[in-house]
Amino acid sequence: FRNMSSSSSESTVERGYIETVLELPWNKMSVDNKDLDHAAQVLDDDHYGLKDVKERILEFLAVRNLTSKGESPIICLVGPPGVGKTSLALSIATALKKKSTKISVGGINDEAEIVGHRRTYVGALPGRIIQGMRKAGSSNPVFIIDEIDKLRKDIKGDPASSLLEVLDPEQNNKFSDHYIEEDYDLSQVMFILTANYIEQIPYELQDRLEIIEVPSYTEQEKQSIAKDYLIPKQLHEHGLTEIEVQFTDDAIIKIINNYTKEAGVRNLERTIGQICRKTARLIMEEDK
């Protein structure tokens, strides 16, 4: 690079490559939180129920504490929209006090998006995995890959097969990105994938994943989630207090049964927000 003329187009390509390689966290490790009670408390504070998922995370932590290494599991949370898969993955990062990074692979049909472009192409970039690692700034983050069941296969290649090298514990200690062209160790990364439909996850990937189903919520669970999580959040976002707006249990049940027929709680939160906005307007107009 030093021997190149700064006016040559090749020098900007080389500079971009060198900067990318230097910015990657090759050996930077964040220290995991080893306190199981703290992790359990964070998961309970952020999410209602989901006992199996939380138990699996705490088991992983316990093994990691005993062995001080242990392969990170590759967890896939499968469930209907709105049940909290992505927010649960972010809570896991908070519970472990790890850095987190997130990509969405929904609709991707070009394998270069995963494993990068060759440097001979104009505008070549590293793949999303390496970009995510650069953003995380640590070699052992929680890496969330959203919408794994919406990968597409066409003439540009099969991105699901490219993800095999990333997600297979036998191979991912020497992941090779076409742009970087150096082996990168992904074995310490905790991958958490999310999907809506288990049958749409490419078969070759299913084999490598530890699938945990996140079930839809019952009426009573939705009521508890609304009271403990959604209503306080919406009141705070709309500048209201619990004195100005009070939701009775009957009102919450009526909203759930008559207005929001869904597996998750996304529409329920939206409807509670709608009530908060109407109330805020009444307070401003009628001053009561």
C-alpha atoms as a PDB file:
ATOM      1  CA  PHE A   1       0.000   0.000   0.000  1.00  0.00           C
ATOM      2  CA  ARG A   2       2.864   2.354   0.849  1.00  0.00           C
ATOM      3  CA  ASN A   3       4.473   1.722  -2.545  1.00  0.00           C
ATOM      4  CA  MET A   4       1.278   2.578  -4.455  1.00  0.00           C
ATOM      5  CA  SER A   5       0.477   5.914  -5.996  1.00  0.00           C
ATOM      6  CA  SER A   6      -2.303   7.581  -3.982  1.00  0.00           C
ATOM      7  CA  SER A   7      -4.050   8.602  -7.207  1.00  0.00           C
ATOM      8  CA  SER A   8      -4.478   5.004  -8.406  1.00  0.00           C
ATOM      9  CA  SER A   9      -7.949   3.507  -7.974  1.00  0.00           C
ATOM     10  CA  GLU A  10      -6.353   0.350  -6.552  1.00  0.00           C
ATOM     11  CA  SER A  11      -5.022   2.263  -3.513  1.00  0.00           C
ATOM     12  CA  THR A  12      -8.520   3.093  -2.202  1.00  0.00           C
ATOM     13  CA  VAL A  13      -9.470  -0.605  -2.516  1.00  0.00           C
ATOM     14  CA  GLU A  14      -6.342  -1.666  -0.604  1.00  0.00           C
ATOM     15  CA  ARG A  15      -6.873   1.009   2.044  1.00  0.00           C
ATOM     16  CA  GLY A  16     -10.467  -0.160   2.591  1.00  0.00           C
ATOM     17  CA  TYR A  17      -9.283  -3.761   2.947  1.00  0.00           C
ATOM     18  CA  ILE A  18      -6.500  -2.914   5.415  1.00  0.00           C
ATOM     19  CA  GLU A  19      -8.842  -0.801   7.555  1.00  0.00           C
ATOM     20  CA  THR A  20     -11.470  -3.569   7.628  1.00  0.00           C
ATOM     21  CA  VAL A  21      -8.916  -6.178   8.708  1.00  0.00           C
ATOM     22  CA  LEU A  22      -7.523  -3.889  11.434  1.00  0.00           C
ATOM     23  CA  GLU A  23     -10.985  -3.025  12.785  1.00  0.00           C
ATOM     24  CA  LEU A  24     -11.975  -6.684  13.256  1.00  0.00           C
ATOM     25  CA  PRO A  25     -11.832  -7.901  16.887  1.00  0.00           C
ATOM     26  CA  TRP A  26      -9.354 -10.754  16.320  1.00  0.00           C
ATOM     27  CA  ASN A  27      -8.654 -11.601  19.962  1.00  0.00           C
ATOM     28  CA  LYS A  28     -10.814  -9.179  21.966  1.00  0.00           C
ATOM     29  CA  MET A  29     -12.965 -11.131  24.410  1.00  0.00           C
ATOM     30  CA  SER A  30     -15.576  -9.648  26.712  1.00  0.00           C
ATOM     31  CA  VAL A  31     -15.783 -11.212  30.184  1.00  0.00           C
ATOM     32  CA  ASP A  32     -19.005 -13.197  30.659  1.00  0.00           C
ATOM     33  CA  ASN A  33     -21.194 -12.639  33.670  1.00  0.00           C
ATOM     34  CA  LYS A  34     -21.024 -15.891  35.667  1.00  0.00           C
ATOM     35  CA  ASP A  35     -23.764 -15.065  38.167  1.00  0.00           C
ATOM     36  CA  LEU A  36     -26.644 -17.455  37.435  1.00  0.00           C
ATOM     37  CA  ASP A  37     -29.010 -15.648  39.816  1.00  0.00           C
ATOM     38  CA  HIS A  38     -28.430 -12.332  38.055  1.00  0.00           C
ATOM     39  CA  ALA A  39     -28.998 -13.930  34.633  1.00  0.00           C
ATOM     40  CA  ALA A  40     -32.219 -15.587  35.816  1.00  0.00           C
ATOM     41  CA  GLN A  41     -33.406 -12.282  37.296  1.00  0.00           C
ATOM     42  CA  VAL A  42     -32.773 -10.345  34.045  1.00  0.00           C
ATOM     43  CA  LEU A  43     -34.607 -12.957  31.952  1.00  0.00           C
ATOM     44  CA  ASP A  44     -37.571 -12.943  34.365  1.00  0.00           C
ATOM     45  CA  ASP A  45     -37.703  -9.135  34.494  1.00  0.00           C
ATOM     46  CA  ASP A  46     -37.799  -8.843  30.695  1.00  0.00           C
ATOM     47  CA  HIS A  47     -40.066 -11.786  29.797  1.00  0.00           C
ATOM     48  CA  TYR A  48     -43.044 -13.530  31.308  1.00  0.00           C
ATOM     49  CA  GLY A  49     -43.112 -17.357  31.224  1.00  0.00           C
ATOM     50  CA  LEU A  50     -40.947 -19.106  28.564  1.00  0.00           C
ATOM     51  CA  LYS A  51     -39.589 -21.535  31.181  1.00  0.00           C
ATOM     52  CA  ASP A  52     -37.883 -23.980  28.736  1.00  0.00           C
ATOM     53  CA  VAL A  53     -35.994 -21.230  26.931  1.00  0.00           C
ATOM     54  CA  LYS A  54     -34.747 -19.669  30.154  1.00  0.00           C
ATOM     55  CA  GLU A  55     -33.695 -23.048  31.573  1.00  0.00           C
ATOM     56  CA  ARG A  56     -31.630 -23.803  28.460  1.00  0.00           C
ATOM     57  CA  ILE A  57     -29.801 -20.481  28.730  1.00  0.00           C
ATOM     58  CA  LEU A  58     -29.014 -21.050  32.424  1.00  0.00           C
ATOM     59  CA  GLU A  59     -27.804 -24.615  31.677  1.00  0.00           C
ATOM     60  CA  PHE A  60     -25.425 -23.218  29.051  1.00  0.00           C
ATOM     61  CA  LEU A  61     -24.142 -20.686  31.598  1.00  0.00           C
ATOM     62  CA  ALA A  62     -23.613 -23.371  34.228  1.00  0.00           C
ATOM     63  CA  VAL A  63     -21.590 -25.545  31.799  1.00  0.00           C
ATOM     64  CA  ARG A  64     -19.559 -22.528  30.648  1.00  0.00           C
ATOM     65  CA  ASN A  65     -18.728 -21.697  34.305  1.00  0.00           C
ATOM     66  CA  LEU A  66     -17.626 -25.276  35.086  1.00  0.00           C
ATOM     67  CA  THR A  67     -15.481 -25.837  32.001  1.00  0.00           C
ATOM     68  CA  SER A  68     -14.491 -22.179  31.412  1.00  0.00           C
ATOM     69  CA  LYS A  69     -14.934 -22.875  27.711  1.00  0.00           C
ATOM     70  CA  GLY A  70     -17.508 -25.178  26.150  1.00  0.00           C
ATOM     71  CA  GLU A  71     -18.850 -24.777  22.642  1.00  0.00           C
ATOM     72  CA  SER A  72     -21.462 -22.078  22.409  1.00  0.00           C
ATOM     73  CA  PRO A  73     -24.847 -23.539  21.495  1.00  0.00           C
ATOM     74  CA  ILE A  74     -26.530 -22.482  18.284  1.00  0.00           C
ATOM     75  CA  ILE A  75     -30.060 -21.821  19.448  1.00  0.00           C
ATOM     76  CA  CYS A  76     -33.011 -21.294  17.123  1.00  0.00           C
ATOM     77  CA  LEU A  77     -36.124 -19.730  18.649  1.00  0.00           C
ATOM     78  CA  VAL A  78     -39.180 -20.743  16.610  1.00  0.00           C
ATOM     79  CA  GLY A  79     -42.616 -19.276  17.199  1.00  0.00           C
ATOM     80  CA  PRO A  80     -45.422 -17.108  15.816  1.00  0.00           C
ATOM     81  CA  PRO A  81     -44.857 -13.371  15.171  1.00  0.00           C
ATOM     82  CA  GLY A  82     -45.046 -11.128  18.236  1.00  0.00           C
ATOM     83  CA  VAL A  83     -44.177 -13.648  20.971  1.00  0.00           C
ATOM     84  CA  GLY A  84     -40.867 -11.912  21.762  1.00  0.00           C
ATOM     85  CA  LYS A  85     -38.172 -14.018  20.057  1.00  0.00           C
ATOM     86  CA  THR A  86     -35.879 -11.135  19.102  1.00  0.00           C
ATOM     87  CA  SER A  87     -36.348  -9.278  22.394  1.00  0.00           C
ATOM     88  CA  LEU A  88     -35.616 -12.524  24.267  1.00  0.00           C
ATOM     89  CA  ALA A  89     -32.347 -12.886  22.336  1.00  0.00           C
ATOM     90  CA  LEU A  90     -31.388  -9.309  23.308  1.00  0.00           C
ATOM     91  CA  SER A  91     -32.266 -10.099  26.956  1.00  0.00           C
ATOM     92  CA  ILE A  92     -29.879 -13.068  26.825  1.00  0.00           C
ATOM     93  CA  ALA A  93     -27.071 -10.687  25.802  1.00  0.00           C
ATOM     94  CA  THR A  94     -27.979  -8.371  28.705  1.00  0.00           C
ATOM     95  CA  ALA A  95     -28.121 -11.297  31.164  1.00  0.00           C
ATOM     96  CA  LEU A  96     -24.668 -12.504  30.102  1.00  0.00           C
ATOM     97  CA  LYS A  97     -23.306  -8.924  29.948  1.00  0.00           C
ATOM     98  CA  LYS A  98     -22.097  -9.719  26.426  1.00  0.00           C
ATOM     99  CA  LYS A  99     -21.975  -7.390  23.470  1.00  0.00           C
ATOM    100  CA  SER A 100     -24.652  -8.138  20.898  1.00  0.00           C
ATOM    101  CA  THR A 101     -25.045  -7.685  17.161  1.00  0.00           C
ATOM    102  CA  LYS A 102     -28.013  -8.421  14.923  1.00  0.00           C
ATOM    103  CA  ILE A 103     -28.601  -9.071  11.242  1.00  0.00           C
ATOM    104  CA  SER A 104     -31.751 -10.030   9.350  1.00  0.00           C
ATOM    105  CA  VAL A 105     -31.455 -12.515   6.489  1.00  0.00           C
ATOM    106  CA  GLY A 106     -35.095 -12.356   5.367  1.00  0.00           C
ATOM    107  CA  GLY A 107     -35.298 -12.256   1.570  1.00  0.00           C
ATOM    108  CA  ILE A 108     -31.526 -12.653   0.998  1.00  0.00           C
ATOM    109  CA  ASN A 109     -30.859 -14.659  -2.152  1.00  0.00           C
ATOM    110  CA  ASP A 110     -27.201 -13.817  -2.817  1.00  0.00           C
ATOM    111  CA  GLU A 111     -24.606 -15.899  -0.991  1.00  0.00           C
ATOM    112  CA  ALA A 112     -22.092 -13.018  -1.268  1.00  0.00           C
ATOM    113  CA  GLU A 113     -24.231 -11.270   1.389  1.00  0.00           C
ATOM    114  CA  ILE A 114     -23.138 -13.989   3.830  1.00  0.00           C
ATOM    115  CA  VAL A 115     -19.577 -14.844   2.758  1.00  0.00           C
ATOM    116  CA  GLY A 116     -18.559 -11.527   1.164  1.00  0.00           C
ATOM    117  CA  HIS A 117     -17.549 -10.485  -2.352  1.00  0.00           C
ATOM    118  CA  ARG A 118     -14.186 -11.269  -3.898  1.00  0.00           C
ATOM    119  CA  ARG A 119     -11.901  -8.246  -3.799  1.00  0.00           C
ATOM    120  CA  THR A 120     -11.529  -8.188  -7.577  1.00  0.00           C
ATOM    121  CA  TYR A 121     -15.057  -6.733  -7.896  1.00  0.00           C
ATOM    122  CA  VAL A 122     -15.683  -2.991  -7.757  1.00  0.00           C
ATOM    123  CA  GLY A 123     -17.412  -2.046  -4.509  1.00  0.00           C
ATOM    124  CA  ALA A 124     -16.586  -5.380  -2.858  1.00  0.00           C
ATOM    125  CA  LEU A 125     -17.610  -5.700   0.786  1.00  0.00           C
ATOM    126  CA  PRO A 126     -17.186  -8.325   3.496  1.00  0.00           C
ATOM    127  CA  GLY A 127     -20.246 -10.469   4.229  1.00  0.00           C
ATOM    128  CA  ARG A 128     -22.812  -9.640   6.889  1.00  0.00           C
ATOM    129  CA  ILE A 129     -21.241 -12.035   9.392  1.00  0.00           C
ATOM    130  CA  ILE A 130     -17.882 -10.234   9.339  1.00  0.00           C
ATOM    131  CA  GLN A 131     -19.630  -6.838   9.304  1.00  0.00           C
ATOM    132  CA  GLY A 132     -21.601  -7.920  12.392  1.00  0.00           C
ATOM    133  CA  MET A 133     -18.416  -9.004  14.182  1.00  0.00           C
ATOM    134  CA  ARG A 134     -16.793  -5.659  13.353  1.00  0.00           C
ATOM    135  CA  LYS A 135     -19.815  -3.822  14.786  1.00  0.00           C
ATOM    136  CA  ALA A 136     -19.826  -5.971  17.948  1.00  0.00           C
ATOM    137  CA  GLY A 137     -16.153  -5.211  18.661  1.00  0.00           C
ATOM    138  CA  SER A 138     -15.686  -8.520  20.476  1.00  0.00           C
ATOM    139  CA  SER A 139     -14.818 -12.108  19.476  1.00  0.00           C
ATOM    140  CA  ASN A 140     -17.508 -13.636  21.697  1.00  0.00           C
ATOM    141  CA  PRO A 141     -20.706 -11.608  21.266  1.00  0.00           C
ATOM    142  CA  VAL A 142     -24.303 -12.783  21.120  1.00  0.00           C
ATOM    143  CA  PHE A 143     -24.991 -12.819  17.371  1.00  0.00           C
ATOM    144  CA  ILE A 144     -28.699 -12.655  16.481  1.00  0.00           C
ATOM    145  CA  ILE A 145     -29.716 -13.829  12.991  1.00  0.00           C
ATOM    146  CA  ASP A 146     -33.365 -12.920  12.345  1.00  0.00           C
ATOM    147  CA  GLU A 147     -35.837 -14.487   9.885  1.00  0.00           C
ATOM    148  CA  ILE A 148     -33.774 -17.587   9.082  1.00  0.00           C
ATOM    149  CA  ASP A 149     -36.846 -19.241   7.526  1.00  0.00           C
ATOM    150  CA  LYS A 150     -37.111 -16.510   4.877  1.00  0.00           C
ATOM    151  CA  LEU A 151     -33.812 -17.192   3.073  1.00  0.00           C
ATOM    152  CA  ARG A 152     -34.261 -17.509  -0.682  1.00  0.00           C
ATOM    153  CA  LYS A 153     -32.429 -19.721  -3.186  1.00  0.00           C
ATOM    154  CA  ASP A 154     -31.953 -18.648  -6.813  1.00  0.00           C
ATOM    155  CA  ILE A 155     -29.442 -18.181  -9.640  1.00  0.00           C
ATOM    156  CA  LYS A 156     -27.102 -16.126  -7.396  1.00  0.00           C
ATOM    157  CA  GLY A 157     -26.505 -19.108  -5.127  1.00  0.00           C
ATOM    158  CA  ASP A 158     -27.811 -20.682  -1.983  1.00  0.00           C
ATOM    159  CA  PRO A 159     -27.203 -18.491   1.101  1.00  0.00           C
ATOM    160  CA  ALA A 160     -28.456 -21.248   3.451  1.00  0.00           C
ATOM    161  CA  SER A 161     -25.548 -23.474   2.399  1.00  0.00           C
ATOM    162  CA  SER A 162     -23.162 -20.550   2.952  1.00  0.00           C
ATOM    163  CA  LEU A 163     -24.471 -20.235   6.508  1.00  0.00           C
ATOM    164  CA  LEU A 164     -23.472 -23.870   7.148  1.00  0.00           C
ATOM    165  CA  GLU A 165     -19.831 -22.900   7.587  1.00  0.00           C
ATOM    166  CA  VAL A 166     -20.897 -20.185  10.037  1.00  0.00           C
ATOM    167  CA  LEU A 167     -23.247 -22.345  12.123  1.00  0.00           C
ATOM    168  CA  ASP A 168     -21.498 -25.716  12.113  1.00  0.00           C
ATOM    169  CA  PRO A 169     -19.406 -26.011  15.336  1.00  0.00           C
ATOM    170  CA  GLU A 170     -16.994 -28.365  13.536  1.00  0.00           C
ATOM    171  CA  GLN A 171     -16.151 -25.748  10.880  1.00  0.00           C
ATOM    172  CA  ASN A 172     -16.721 -22.289  12.290  1.00  0.00           C
ATOM    173  CA  ASN A 173     -13.366 -21.958  14.071  1.00  0.00           C
ATOM    174  CA  LYS A 174     -11.908 -21.348  10.590  1.00  0.00           C
ATOM    175  CA  PHE A 175     -14.591 -19.296   8.838  1.00  0.00           C
ATOM    176  CA  SER A 176     -13.285 -17.873   5.579  1.00  0.00           C
ATOM    177  CA  ASP A 177     -14.831 -14.698   4.193  1.00  0.00           C
ATOM    178  CA  HIS A 178     -14.148 -14.110   0.475  1.00  0.00           C
ATOM    179  CA  TYR A 179     -13.240 -10.478   1.119  1.00  0.00           C
ATOM    180  CA  ILE A 180     -10.983 -10.953   4.167  1.00  0.00           C
ATOM    181  CA  GLU A 181      -9.412 -14.225   2.927  1.00  0.00           C
ATOM    182  CA  GLU A 182      -8.081 -15.030   6.396  1.00  0.00           C
ATOM    183  CA  ASP A 183      -9.461 -17.671   8.750  1.00  0.00           C
ATOM    184  CA  TYR A 184     -11.668 -16.059  11.389  1.00  0.00           C
ATOM    185  CA  ASP A 185     -12.648 -17.906  14.571  1.00  0.00           C
ATOM    186  CA  LEU A 186     -16.418 -17.858  15.204  1.00  0.00           C
ATOM    187  CA  SER A 187     -16.397 -20.733  17.696  1.00  0.00           C
ATOM    188  CA  GLN A 188     -16.803 -18.418  20.739  1.00  0.00           C
ATOM    189  CA  VAL A 189     -19.791 -16.593  19.253  1.00  0.00           C
ATOM    190  CA  MET A 190     -23.211 -17.414  20.711  1.00  0.00           C
ATOM    191  CA  PHE A 191     -25.546 -17.569  17.711  1.00  0.00           C
ATOM    192  CA  ILE A 192     -29.270 -17.116  18.328  1.00  0.00           C
ATOM    193  CA  LEU A 193     -31.522 -17.539  15.301  1.00  0.00           C
ATOM    194  CA  THR A 194     -35.211 -16.707  15.023  1.00  0.00           C
ATOM    195  CA  ALA A 195     -37.845 -18.162  12.700  1.00  0.00           C
ATOM    196  CA  ASN A 196     -41.631 -18.236  12.390  1.00  0.00           C
ATOM    197  CA  TYR A 197     -42.089 -21.635  10.737  1.00  0.00           C
ATOM    198  CA  ILE A 198     -39.924 -24.656  11.506  1.00  0.00           C
ATOM    199  CA  GLU A 199     -40.748 -26.390   8.198  1.00  0.00           C
ATOM    200  CA  GLN A 200     -39.423 -23.412   6.202  1.00  0.00           C
ATOM    201  CA  ILE A 201     -35.963 -23.507   7.811  1.00  0.00           C
ATOM    202  CA  PRO A 202     -33.650 -25.059   5.172  1.00  0.00           C
ATOM    203  CA  TYR A 203     -33.174 -28.742   6.039  1.00  0.00           C
ATOM    204  CA  GLU A 204     -29.372 -28.621   5.975  1.00  0.00           C
ATOM    205  CA  LEU A 205     -29.470 -25.889   8.661  1.00  0.00           C
ATOM    206  CA  GLN A 206     -32.070 -27.609  10.875  1.00  0.00           C
ATOM    207  CA  ASP A 207     -29.566 -30.370  11.525  1.00  0.00           C
ATOM    208  CA  ARG A 208     -27.091 -27.939  13.154  1.00  0.00           C
ATOM    209  CA  LEU A 209     -29.555 -25.998  15.289  1.00  0.00           C
ATOM    210  CA  GLU A 210     -30.902 -26.544  18.749  1.00  0.00           C
ATOM    211  CA  ILE A 211     -34.550 -25.674  18.130  1.00  0.00           C
ATOM    212  CA  ILE A 212     -36.538 -24.220  21.033  1.00  0.00           C
ATOM    213  CA  GLU A 213     -40.198 -23.539  20.363  1.00  0.00           C
ATOM    214  CA  VAL A 214     -41.602 -20.336  21.825  1.00  0.00           C
ATOM    215  CA  PRO A 215     -45.339 -21.048  22.211  1.00  0.00           C
ATOM    216  CA  SER A 216     -48.213 -18.640  21.700  1.00  0.00           C
ATOM    217  CA  TYR A 217     -49.658 -17.068  24.837  1.00  0.00           C
ATOM    218  CA  THR A 218     -52.898 -17.985  26.606  1.00  0.00           C
ATOM    219  CA  GLU A 219     -55.473 -15.384  27.665  1.00  0.00           C
ATOM    220  CA  GLN A 220     -54.180 -15.341  31.265  1.00  0.00           C
ATOM    221  CA  GLU A 221     -50.565 -14.993  30.122  1.00  0.00           C
ATOM    222  CA  LYS A 222     -51.497 -12.089  27.841  1.00  0.00           C
ATOM    223  CA  GLN A 223     -53.298 -10.421  30.727  1.00  0.00           C
ATOM    224  CA  SER A 224     -50.207 -10.732  32.960  1.00  0.00           C
ATOM    225  CA  ILE A 225     -47.917  -9.475  30.179  1.00  0.00           C
ATOM    226  CA  ALA A 226     -50.215  -6.486  29.570  1.00  0.00           C
ATOM    227  CA  LYS A 227     -50.343  -5.556  33.281  1.00  0.00           C
ATOM    228  CA  ASP A 228     -46.661  -6.064  34.106  1.00  0.00           C
ATOM    229  CA  TYR A 229     -44.906  -5.054  30.884  1.00  0.00           C
ATOM    230  CA  LEU A 230     -47.005  -3.461  28.116  1.00  0.00           C
ATOM    231  CA  ILE A 231     -49.158  -0.962  30.040  1.00  0.00           C
ATOM    232  CA  PRO A 232     -46.268   0.564  32.104  1.00  0.00           C
ATOM    233  CA  LYS A 233     -44.185   0.822  28.894  1.00  0.00           C
ATOM    234  CA  GLN A 234     -46.977   2.506  26.893  1.00  0.00           C
ATOM    235  CA  LEU A 235     -47.855   4.907  29.729  1.00  0.00           C
ATOM    236  CA  HIS A 236     -44.196   5.956  29.935  1.00  0.00           C
ATOM    237  CA  GLU A 237     -43.955   6.416  26.139  1.00  0.00           C
ATOM    238  CA  HIS A 238     -47.088   8.605  26.062  1.00  0.00           C
ATOM    239  CA  GLY A 239     -46.180  10.729  29.091  1.00  0.00           C
ATOM    240  CA  LEU A 240     -49.052   9.453  31.232  1.00  0.00           C
ATOM    241  CA  THR A 241     -49.171   8.273  34.839  1.00  0.00           C
ATOM    242  CA  GLU A 242     -51.046   5.404  36.454  1.00  0.00           C
ATOM    243  CA  ILE A 243     -53.290   7.978  38.204  1.00  0.00           C
ATOM    244  CA  GLU A 244     -54.451   9.420  34.857  1.00  0.00           C
ATOM    245  CA  VAL A 245     -55.105   6.073  33.148  1.00  0.00           C
ATOM    246  CA  GLN A 246     -56.151   2.884  34.901  1.00  0.00           C
ATOM    247  CA  PHE A 247     -56.798  -0.390  33.095  1.00  0.00           C
ATOM    248  CA  THR A 248     -59.142  -2.773  34.916  1.00  0.00           C
ATOM    249  CA  ASP A 249     -58.713  -6.542  34.542  1.00  0.00           C
ATOM    250  CA  ASP A 250     -62.077  -6.756  32.741  1.00  0.00           C
ATOM    251  CA  ALA A 251     -60.985  -4.096  30.252  1.00  0.00           C
ATOM    252  CA  ILE A 252     -57.743  -5.943  29.479  1.00  0.00           C
ATOM    253  CA  ILE A 253     -59.630  -9.246  28.963  1.00  0.00           C
ATOM    254  CA  LYS A 254     -62.108  -7.441  26.678  1.00  0.00           C
ATOM    255  CA  ILE A 255     -59.275  -5.984  24.552  1.00  0.00           C
ATOM    256  CA  ILE A 256     -57.635  -9.435  24.294  1.00  0.00           C
ATOM    257  CA  ASN A 257     -60.812 -11.294  23.323  1.00  0.00           C
ATOM    258  CA  ASN A 258     -62.633  -8.709  21.197  1.00  0.00           C
ATOM    259  CA  TYR A 259     -59.877  -6.712  19.511  1.00  0.00           C
ATOM    260  CA  THR A 260     -56.635  -8.716  19.279  1.00  0.00           C
ATOM    261  CA  LYS A 261     -56.947 -12.301  18.112  1.00  0.00           C
ATOM    262  CA  GLU A 262     -53.255 -13.235  17.717  1.00  0.00           C
ATOM    263  CA  ALA A 263     -50.614 -15.645  18.994  1.00  0.00           C
ATOM    264  CA  GLY A 264     -48.233 -12.968  20.269  1.00  0.00           C
ATOM    265  CA  VAL A 265     -48.824  -9.598  21.925  1.00  0.00           C
ATOM    266  CA  ARG A 266     -47.866  -7.120  19.205  1.00  0.00           C
ATOM    267  CA  ASN A 267     -51.419  -6.003  18.392  1.00  0.00           C
ATOM    268  CA  LEU A 268     -52.285  -5.942  22.086  1.00  0.00           C
ATOM    269  CA  GLU A 269     -49.458  -3.459  22.681  1.00  0.00           C
ATOM    270  CA  ARG A 270     -50.590  -1.410  19.673  1.00  0.00           C
ATOM    271  CA  THR A 271     -54.173  -1.258  20.980  1.00  0.00           C
ATOM    272  CA  ILE A 272     -53.043  -0.217  24.474  1.00  0.00           C
ATOM    273  CA  GLY A 273     -50.958   2.529  22.801  1.00  0.00           C
ATOM    274  CA  GLN A 274     -54.074   3.646  20.892  1.00  0.00           C
ATOM    275  CA  ILE A 275     -56.042   3.984  24.156  1.00  0.00           C
ATOM    276  CA  CYS A 276     -53.159   5.962  25.702  1.00  0.00           C
ATOM    277  CA  ARG A 277     -53.119   8.398  22.754  1.00  0.00           C
ATOM    278  CA  LYS A 278     -56.879   8.985  22.913  1.00  0.00           C
ATOM    279  CA  THR A 279     -56.637   9.574  26.677  1.00  0.00           C
ATOM    280  CA  ALA A 280     -53.712  11.994  26.247  1.00  0.00           C
ATOM    281  CA  ARG A 281     -55.817  14.000  23.779  1.00  0.00           C
ATOM    282  CA  LEU A 282     -58.797  14.085  26.182  1.00  0.00           C
ATOM    283  CA  ILE A 283     -56.541  15.296  29.009  1.00  0.00           C
ATOM    284  CA  MET A 284     -55.093  18.093  26.837  1.00  0.00           C
ATOM    285  CA  GLU A 285     -58.487  19.195  25.404  1.00  0.00           C
ATOM    286  CA  GLU A 286     -60.659  18.971  28.499  1.00  0.00           C
ATOM    287  CA  ASP A 287     -57.947  19.500  31.110  1.00  0.00           C
ATOM    288  CA  LYS A 288     -59.127  16.697  33.366  1.00  0.00           C
END
